[in-house]
Amino acid sequence: MTTGKMIIILGIAIAIMGLVISYAPWLVNWFGKLPGDIRIQNEKSFVFIPLVSMLIMSIILTVVINLFFRR
């Protein structure tokens, strides 16, 4: 796959994610609220580390990329 096609596919994917976040936010409402996501809140600071959410996203993206780009 050429670089140009990869950039076009990436742009389309980003546009679709933008549309989903804008018009169907309930589809991604789970992100950051899973057990295992670290949330430390103080009166002056806030730290958020989405460990489990990022692990699930990594697994999903790995499966999708392997399905579409396997040679």
C-alpha atoms as a PDB file:
ATOM      1  CA  MET A   1       0.000   0.000   0.000  1.00  0.00           C
ATOM      2  CA  THR A   2       1.365   3.372  -0.931  1.00  0.00           C
ATOM      3  CA  THR A   3       1.772   6.258   1.440  1.00  0.00           C
ATOM      4  CA  GLY A   4      -0.928   8.280  -0.310  1.00  0.00           C
ATOM      5  CA  LYS A   5      -3.551   5.573   0.104  1.00  0.00           C
ATOM      6  CA  MET A   6      -2.593   5.115   3.750  1.00  0.00           C
ATOM      7  CA  ILE A   7      -3.018   8.849   4.417  1.00  0.00           C
ATOM      8  CA  ILE A   8      -6.425   8.836   2.700  1.00  0.00           C
ATOM      9  CA  ILE A   9      -7.599   5.852   4.771  1.00  0.00           C
ATOM     10  CA  LEU A  10      -6.307   7.493   7.960  1.00  0.00           C
ATOM     11  CA  GLY A  11      -8.144  10.721   7.080  1.00  0.00           C
ATOM     12  CA  ILE A  12     -11.399   8.861   6.460  1.00  0.00           C
ATOM     13  CA  ALA A  13     -11.009   6.993   9.771  1.00  0.00           C
ATOM     14  CA  ILE A  14     -10.428  10.255  11.653  1.00  0.00           C
ATOM     15  CA  ALA A  15     -13.491  11.820   9.982  1.00  0.00           C
ATOM     16  CA  ILE A  16     -15.651   8.820  10.949  1.00  0.00           C
ATOM     17  CA  MET A  17     -14.409   8.995  14.550  1.00  0.00           C
ATOM     18  CA  GLY A  18     -15.218  12.715  14.606  1.00  0.00           C
ATOM     19  CA  LEU A  19     -18.740  12.066  13.348  1.00  0.00           C
ATOM     20  CA  VAL A  20     -19.298   9.331  15.934  1.00  0.00           C
ATOM     21  CA  ILE A  21     -18.084  11.556  18.764  1.00  0.00           C
ATOM     22  CA  SER A  22     -20.239  14.459  17.542  1.00  0.00           C
ATOM     23  CA  TYR A  23     -23.488  12.675  16.717  1.00  0.00           C
ATOM     24  CA  ALA A  24     -23.386   9.441  18.765  1.00  0.00           C
ATOM     25  CA  PRO A  25     -21.379  10.114  21.934  1.00  0.00           C
ATOM     26  CA  TRP A  26     -23.048   7.220  23.768  1.00  0.00           C
ATOM     27  CA  LEU A  27     -21.030   4.810  21.599  1.00  0.00           C
ATOM     28  CA  VAL A  28     -17.761   5.977  23.188  1.00  0.00           C
ATOM     29  CA  ASN A  29     -19.153   6.889  26.615  1.00  0.00           C
ATOM     30  CA  TRP A  30     -17.535   3.801  28.186  1.00  0.00           C
ATOM     31  CA  PHE A  31     -14.012   5.020  27.446  1.00  0.00           C
ATOM     32  CA  GLY A  32     -12.233   5.964  30.646  1.00  0.00           C
ATOM     33  CA  LYS A  33     -14.832   4.516  32.997  1.00  0.00           C
ATOM     34  CA  LEU A  34     -13.713   0.902  33.094  1.00  0.00           C
ATOM     35  CA  PRO A  35     -12.415  -0.855  36.203  1.00  0.00           C
ATOM     36  CA  GLY A  36      -8.654  -0.538  36.144  1.00  0.00           C
ATOM     37  CA  ASP A  37      -8.562   3.028  34.844  1.00  0.00           C
ATOM     38  CA  ILE A  38      -6.683   5.134  37.372  1.00  0.00           C
ATOM     39  CA  ARG A  39      -8.262   8.398  38.464  1.00  0.00           C
ATOM     40  CA  ILE A  40      -6.514  10.471  41.144  1.00  0.00           C
ATOM     41  CA  GLN A  41      -8.306  13.648  42.100  1.00  0.00           C
ATOM     42  CA  ASN A  42      -7.112  16.211  44.585  1.00  0.00           C
ATOM     43  CA  GLU A  43      -8.532  19.627  45.383  1.00  0.00           C
ATOM     44  CA  LYS A  44      -5.878  21.248  43.160  1.00  0.00           C
ATOM     45  CA  SER A  45      -4.964  18.560  40.651  1.00  0.00           C
ATOM     46  CA  PHE A  46      -6.394  15.722  38.606  1.00  0.00           C
ATOM     47  CA  VAL A  47      -4.536  12.741  37.099  1.00  0.00           C
ATOM     48  CA  PHE A  48      -6.222  10.274  34.782  1.00  0.00           C
ATOM     49  CA  ILE A  49      -4.503   7.146  33.426  1.00  0.00           C
ATOM     50  CA  PRO A  50      -6.825   4.981  31.268  1.00  0.00           C
ATOM     51  CA  LEU A  51      -4.887   1.696  31.468  1.00  0.00           C
ATOM     52  CA  VAL A  52      -7.686  -0.792  30.758  1.00  0.00           C
ATOM     53  CA  SER A  53      -9.390   1.439  28.185  1.00  0.00           C
ATOM     54  CA  MET A  54      -6.157   1.786  26.213  1.00  0.00           C
ATOM     55  CA  LEU A  55      -5.498  -1.959  26.458  1.00  0.00           C
ATOM     56  CA  ILE A  56      -8.929  -2.696  24.978  1.00  0.00           C
ATOM     57  CA  MET A  57      -8.423  -0.091  22.236  1.00  0.00           C
ATOM     58  CA  SER A  58      -5.047  -1.635  21.404  1.00  0.00           C
ATOM     59  CA  ILE A  59      -6.574  -5.101  21.077  1.00  0.00           C
ATOM     60  CA  ILE A  60      -9.428  -3.817  18.893  1.00  0.00           C
ATOM     61  CA  LEU A  61      -7.089  -1.851  16.614  1.00  0.00           C
ATOM     62  CA  THR A  62      -4.712  -4.813  16.303  1.00  0.00           C
ATOM     63  CA  VAL A  63      -7.535  -7.107  15.208  1.00  0.00           C
ATOM     64  CA  VAL A  64      -8.933  -4.550  12.739  1.00  0.00           C
ATOM     65  CA  ILE A  65      -5.536  -3.771  11.213  1.00  0.00           C
ATOM     66  CA  ASN A  66      -4.723  -7.471  10.864  1.00  0.00           C
ATOM     67  CA  LEU A  67      -8.069  -8.137   9.178  1.00  0.00           C
ATOM     68  CA  PHE A  68      -7.748  -5.335   6.618  1.00  0.00           C
ATOM     69  CA  PHE A  69      -4.013  -5.159   5.958  1.00  0.00           C
ATOM     70  CA  ARG A  70      -2.985  -8.807   6.080  1.00  0.00           C
ATOM     71  CA  ARG A  71      -1.140  -9.899   2.957  1.00  0.00           C
END
